[in-house]
Amino acid sequence: MTRSIQDVARLAGVSSRTLRHYDQIGLLPPSGTGPGGLRHYDDAAIRRLQRILLLRDLGLPLTDIGRVLDEQADEAGALRRHLDQLRAEQDRLTRRIASVERTVTAIEKGEQLMAEDMLDGFDHTQYEEEVTERWGADAYARSDAWWRGLGPEKQKEFQARTKELGDAWADAARRGVDPTSDEAQELAARHAAWLGGIPGTPGSERGRPTKEYVVGLAEMYVADPRFAKNYGGTEGATFVRDALVAYAEREL
């Protein structure tokens, strides 16, 4: 049984253009083509797409994903490692939900709650292994030192600026703005400047993020629900990705 490119794009939450691009770079060729050149994908191709999306979730550039897939001969073993990562993330989210529920209950009942209970699941250092794997130990150390050095007030200001940028992206996506339009590209430029201002990120020493870093993050915004929710969900994150990729191709 095979599925059309439209079906696969819908199920995977990507655009047909993305799948055609994967074909063009040799990352995911279709299983066959029908009348008019319509691409079709069988189970093996869909499994490969699943692995592509999982690796994209790790922030790997597309240029590296094909090499990694070729090196991972044990398909089941590779997926089991991804499964472990997903379960760890599920556990973190479960702890965070429980923490917020405890806080709400305590507020409503006028009860005192320990800080350890309120902040369970919110420790940013839990991402140390993930960041180190993607961009190196030095990147995490520098970013962590910068974040801690900001202090509570500056951290709140940074979070407010981040939310403002996310809200602007989500609003543009809701209005159906073209990712290559001047408005979207201005947002992409703001986003790149924001990334380049975070010490430890690739290119931050120049105040200008690298093309590979921006494209890798853009892909991850769609693949990772933690990021997609900042832009109104998968559809909004897809708009952000397309705009950032267009910007990176032209400016970085």
Protein backbone atom coordinates (compact mmCIF):
# COMPACT_ATOMS: atom_id res chain seq x y z
CA MET A 1 0.00 0.00 0.00
CA THR A 2 1.27 3.46 -0.87
CA ARG A 3 0.13 6.95 0.04
CA SER A 4 0.14 10.10 -2.05
CA ILE A 5 2.44 12.99 -1.26
CA GLN A 6 -0.56 14.99 -0.05
CA ASP A 7 -1.57 12.26 2.42
CA VAL A 8 1.96 11.90 3.76
CA ALA A 9 2.40 15.66 4.11
CA ARG A 10 -0.87 15.93 6.02
CA LEU A 11 -0.08 13.03 8.35
CA ALA A 12 3.47 14.23 9.04
CA GLY A 13 2.56 17.88 9.49
CA VAL A 14 4.92 19.05 6.77
CA SER A 15 4.27 20.67 3.42
CA SER A 16 4.32 18.90 0.07
CA ARG A 17 7.06 21.33 -0.88
CA THR A 18 9.17 19.99 2.00
CA LEU A 19 8.75 16.41 0.77
CA ARG A 20 9.67 17.44 -2.77
CA HIS A 21 12.75 19.17 -1.38
CA TYR A 22 13.73 16.00 0.51
CA ASP A 23 13.47 14.14 -2.79
CA GLN A 24 15.57 16.71 -4.64
CA ILE A 25 18.44 16.43 -2.15
CA GLY A 26 18.25 12.62 -2.10
CA LEU A 27 17.09 12.43 1.50
CA LEU A 28 13.67 10.86 0.88
CA PRO A 29 12.97 9.66 -2.66
CA PRO A 30 9.39 8.54 -3.29
CA SER A 31 8.63 4.87 -3.72
CA GLY A 32 7.19 5.60 -7.13
CA THR A 33 5.38 8.13 -9.25
CA GLY A 34 1.94 8.06 -10.82
CA PRO A 35 0.24 9.99 -13.60
CA GLY A 36 1.53 13.53 -13.88
CA GLY A 37 4.58 12.68 -11.77
CA LEU A 38 2.57 12.43 -8.52
CA ARG A 39 4.84 11.00 -5.83
CA HIS A 40 3.79 7.96 -3.77
CA TYR A 41 5.33 6.59 -0.56
CA ASP A 42 5.27 3.03 0.78
CA ASP A 43 5.74 1.85 4.38
CA ALA A 44 9.55 1.82 4.12
CA ALA A 45 9.60 5.40 2.87
CA ILE A 46 7.24 6.52 5.63
CA ARG A 47 9.45 4.84 8.25
CA ARG A 48 12.41 6.71 6.82
CA LEU A 49 10.42 9.96 7.03
CA GLN A 50 9.66 9.20 10.67
CA ARG A 51 13.38 8.88 11.38
CA ILE A 52 14.10 12.07 9.44
CA LEU A 53 11.61 13.96 11.58
CA LEU A 54 13.05 12.51 14.78
CA LEU A 55 16.59 13.52 13.78
CA ARG A 56 15.33 16.93 12.73
CA ASP A 57 13.88 17.17 16.23
CA LEU A 58 17.46 16.89 17.52
CA GLY A 59 18.39 19.96 15.49
CA LEU A 60 20.51 18.13 12.94
CA PRO A 61 20.89 19.94 9.59
CA LEU A 62 19.33 18.11 6.66
CA THR A 63 22.78 17.70 5.15
CA ASP A 64 23.77 15.53 8.12
CA ILE A 65 20.57 13.53 8.46
CA GLY A 66 21.14 11.44 5.34
CA ARG A 67 24.61 10.47 6.55
CA VAL A 68 23.27 9.53 9.97
CA LEU A 69 20.51 7.40 8.47
CA ASP A 70 23.00 5.60 6.27
CA GLU A 71 25.21 4.89 9.29
CA GLN A 72 22.32 3.61 11.43
CA ALA A 73 21.95 0.19 9.90
CA ASP A 74 19.97 -1.02 12.90
CA GLU A 75 16.69 0.78 12.24
CA ALA A 76 14.88 -0.70 15.24
CA GLY A 77 17.76 0.12 17.58
CA ALA A 78 17.87 3.73 16.40
CA LEU A 79 14.13 4.11 16.93
CA ARG A 80 14.40 2.61 20.41
CA ARG A 81 16.93 5.31 21.35
CA HIS A 82 14.54 7.95 20.06
CA LEU A 83 11.76 6.30 22.03
CA ASP A 84 13.80 6.63 25.22
CA GLN A 85 14.23 10.33 24.55
CA LEU A 86 10.51 10.80 23.90
CA ARG A 87 9.61 8.98 27.12
CA ALA A 88 11.99 11.19 29.07
CA GLU A 89 10.28 14.24 27.62
CA GLN A 90 6.89 12.75 28.43
CA ASP A 91 8.00 12.27 32.04
CA ARG A 92 9.17 15.87 32.24
CA LEU A 93 5.84 17.17 30.94
CA THR A 94 3.92 14.94 33.38
CA ARG A 95 5.95 16.35 36.28
CA ARG A 96 5.38 19.90 35.07
CA ILE A 97 1.61 19.39 34.75
CA ALA A 98 1.45 17.91 38.24
CA SER A 99 3.50 20.80 39.61
CA VAL A 100 1.15 23.42 38.16
CA GLU A 101 -1.90 21.48 39.36
CA ARG A 102 -0.49 21.43 42.91
CA THR A 103 0.15 25.16 42.74
CA VAL A 104 -3.39 25.93 41.54
CA THR A 105 -4.89 23.75 44.28
CA ALA A 106 -2.74 25.42 46.93
CA ILE A 107 -3.74 28.91 45.76
CA GLU A 108 -7.44 28.02 45.73
CA LYS A 109 -7.28 26.51 49.22
CA GLY A 110 -4.98 29.15 50.67
CA GLU A 111 -2.34 26.55 51.50
CA GLN A 112 1.43 26.95 51.66
CA LEU A 113 3.43 25.08 49.02
CA MET A 114 7.14 24.28 49.02
CA ALA A 115 9.23 25.86 46.26
CA GLU A 116 10.54 22.39 45.38
CA ASP A 117 6.98 21.32 44.58
CA MET A 118 6.16 24.42 42.54
CA LEU A 119 9.32 24.21 40.44
CA ASP A 120 9.44 20.46 39.85
CA GLY A 121 9.91 19.87 36.14
CA PHE A 122 11.11 23.42 35.41
CA ASP A 123 14.88 23.03 35.92
CA HIS A 124 16.47 24.33 32.72
CA THR A 125 19.64 22.35 33.42
CA GLN A 126 17.77 19.21 32.36
CA TYR A 127 18.51 20.31 28.78
CA GLU A 128 22.27 20.19 29.35
CA GLU A 129 22.67 16.77 27.69
CA GLU A 130 20.40 17.74 24.79
CA VAL A 131 22.18 21.05 24.12
CA THR A 132 25.60 19.46 24.53
CA GLU A 133 24.73 16.72 22.03
CA ARG A 134 23.53 19.25 19.46
CA TRP A 135 26.04 22.08 19.80
CA GLY A 136 28.79 21.01 22.20
CA ALA A 137 29.63 21.34 25.89
CA ASP A 138 31.07 24.83 25.47
CA ALA A 139 27.81 26.06 23.94
CA TYR A 140 25.83 24.88 26.96
CA ALA A 141 28.36 26.24 29.48
CA ARG A 142 28.42 29.69 27.89
CA SER A 143 24.64 29.89 27.50
CA ASP A 144 24.08 28.67 31.06
CA ALA A 145 26.57 31.17 32.50
CA TRP A 146 24.96 33.98 30.50
CA TRP A 147 21.46 33.03 31.65
CA ARG A 148 22.41 32.77 35.31
CA GLY A 149 24.32 36.04 35.08
CA LEU A 150 21.26 37.94 33.87
CA GLY A 151 19.52 37.71 37.22
CA PRO A 152 15.74 37.48 37.78
CA GLU A 153 14.80 40.89 36.33
CA LYS A 154 16.84 40.57 33.15
CA GLN A 155 15.62 37.01 32.72
CA LYS A 156 12.04 38.27 32.85
CA GLU A 157 12.87 40.97 30.28
CA PHE A 158 14.43 38.41 27.97
CA GLN A 159 11.42 36.11 28.34
CA ALA A 160 9.10 39.02 27.57
CA ARG A 161 11.04 39.86 24.39
CA THR A 162 10.94 36.20 23.40
CA LYS A 163 7.17 36.05 23.93
CA GLU A 164 6.69 39.27 21.96
CA LEU A 165 8.58 37.80 19.02
CA GLY A 166 6.61 34.54 19.25
CA ASP A 167 3.31 36.45 19.35
CA ALA A 168 4.34 38.45 16.27
CA TRP A 169 5.10 35.24 14.40
CA ALA A 170 1.80 33.64 15.44
CA ASP A 171 -0.15 36.75 14.40
CA ALA A 172 1.49 36.84 10.98
CA ALA A 173 0.78 33.14 10.50
CA ARG A 174 -2.89 33.60 11.41
CA ARG A 175 -3.17 36.41 8.85
CA GLY A 176 -1.74 34.18 6.14
CA VAL A 177 1.35 36.32 5.52
CA ASP A 178 3.62 34.98 2.76
CA PRO A 179 6.84 33.55 4.33
CA THR A 180 8.92 35.35 1.68
CA SER A 181 7.14 38.71 2.07
CA ASP A 182 8.88 41.78 3.48
CA GLU A 183 6.90 41.49 6.72
CA ALA A 184 7.87 37.86 7.28
CA GLN A 185 11.49 38.50 6.35
CA GLU A 186 11.67 41.40 8.80
CA LEU A 187 10.48 39.02 11.50
CA ALA A 188 13.08 36.50 10.35
CA ALA A 189 15.79 39.17 10.64
CA ARG A 190 14.62 39.98 14.20
CA HIS A 191 14.64 36.28 15.01
CA ALA A 192 18.18 35.85 13.67
CA ALA A 193 19.39 38.86 15.68
CA TRP A 194 17.72 37.39 18.78
CA LEU A 195 19.50 34.05 18.26
CA GLY A 196 22.82 35.73 17.57
CA GLY A 197 22.60 37.61 20.87
CA ILE A 198 22.61 34.46 22.99
CA PRO A 199 26.18 33.52 23.96
CA GLY A 200 27.19 29.96 23.12
CA THR A 201 24.92 29.62 20.11
CA PRO A 202 26.64 28.95 16.76
CA GLY A 203 27.75 32.29 15.33
CA SER A 204 27.05 34.26 18.52
CA GLU A 205 30.69 35.32 18.71
CA ARG A 206 29.97 37.38 15.58
CA GLY A 207 26.48 38.36 16.68
CA ARG A 208 25.17 36.57 13.62
CA PRO A 209 23.87 32.98 13.73
CA THR A 210 25.13 30.47 11.20
CA LYS A 211 22.94 29.36 8.32
CA GLU A 212 23.08 25.72 9.48
CA TYR A 213 21.99 26.69 13.01
CA VAL A 214 19.04 28.78 11.85
CA VAL A 215 17.84 26.16 9.37
CA GLY A 216 18.25 23.37 11.92
CA LEU A 217 16.26 25.28 14.53
CA ALA A 218 13.62 26.22 11.98
CA GLU A 219 13.10 22.57 11.16
CA MET A 220 12.96 21.73 14.87
CA TYR A 221 10.26 24.36 15.49
CA VAL A 222 7.91 22.25 13.38
CA ALA A 223 9.07 18.84 14.60
CA ASP A 224 9.14 19.58 18.34
CA PRO A 225 5.78 20.35 20.02
CA ARG A 226 7.64 22.26 22.74
CA PHE A 227 8.62 24.86 20.15
CA ALA A 228 5.62 24.64 17.82
CA LYS A 229 3.25 25.75 20.59
CA ASN A 230 5.14 29.06 20.80
CA TYR A 231 3.98 29.87 17.27
CA GLY A 232 0.38 28.74 17.46
CA GLY A 233 0.97 25.07 16.71
CA THR A 234 2.33 23.14 13.76
CA GLU A 235 0.81 25.39 11.11
CA GLY A 236 2.28 28.53 12.67
CA ALA A 237 5.65 26.83 13.20
CA THR A 238 5.66 25.76 9.55
CA PHE A 239 5.23 29.41 8.53
CA VAL A 240 8.12 30.41 10.83
CA ARG A 241 10.31 27.67 9.42
CA ASP A 242 9.63 28.60 5.81
CA ALA A 243 10.35 32.27 6.53
CA LEU A 244 13.57 31.52 8.43
CA VAL A 245 14.82 29.10 5.79
CA ALA A 246 14.18 31.69 3.06
CA TYR A 247 16.01 34.30 5.14
CA ALA A 248 18.94 32.00 5.87
CA GLU A 249 19.31 31.06 2.22
CA ARG A 250 19.43 34.69 1.20
CA GLU A 251 21.25 36.41 4.08
CA LEU A 252 23.42 33.90 5.97
